Amino acid sequence: MIAQTIFLGVLGPWQIVLIVVVVLLLFGGKKIPELMRGLGSGIKEFKDASKEEDKLGSGSKESKS
């Protein structure tokens, strides 16, 4: 928690604005939604895989008991 406070304390509002401007300059306005869509689908796949792993893991524990 202390490390999180230190990290968030380093980034102020002007630094965040600067990061956003640099990202816009590097990728352009049209490419950003595609990148976010890809990131969102990747996160969704990860969550689905972890839920599936939990179901498989809990099923094997019940059958062993």
Foldseek 3Di string as FASTA:
>chain_A
DVVVVVVVVVDDPVNVVVVVVVVCVVQNPVCVVVVVVVVVVVVVVVVVVVVVVVVVVVVVVVVVD
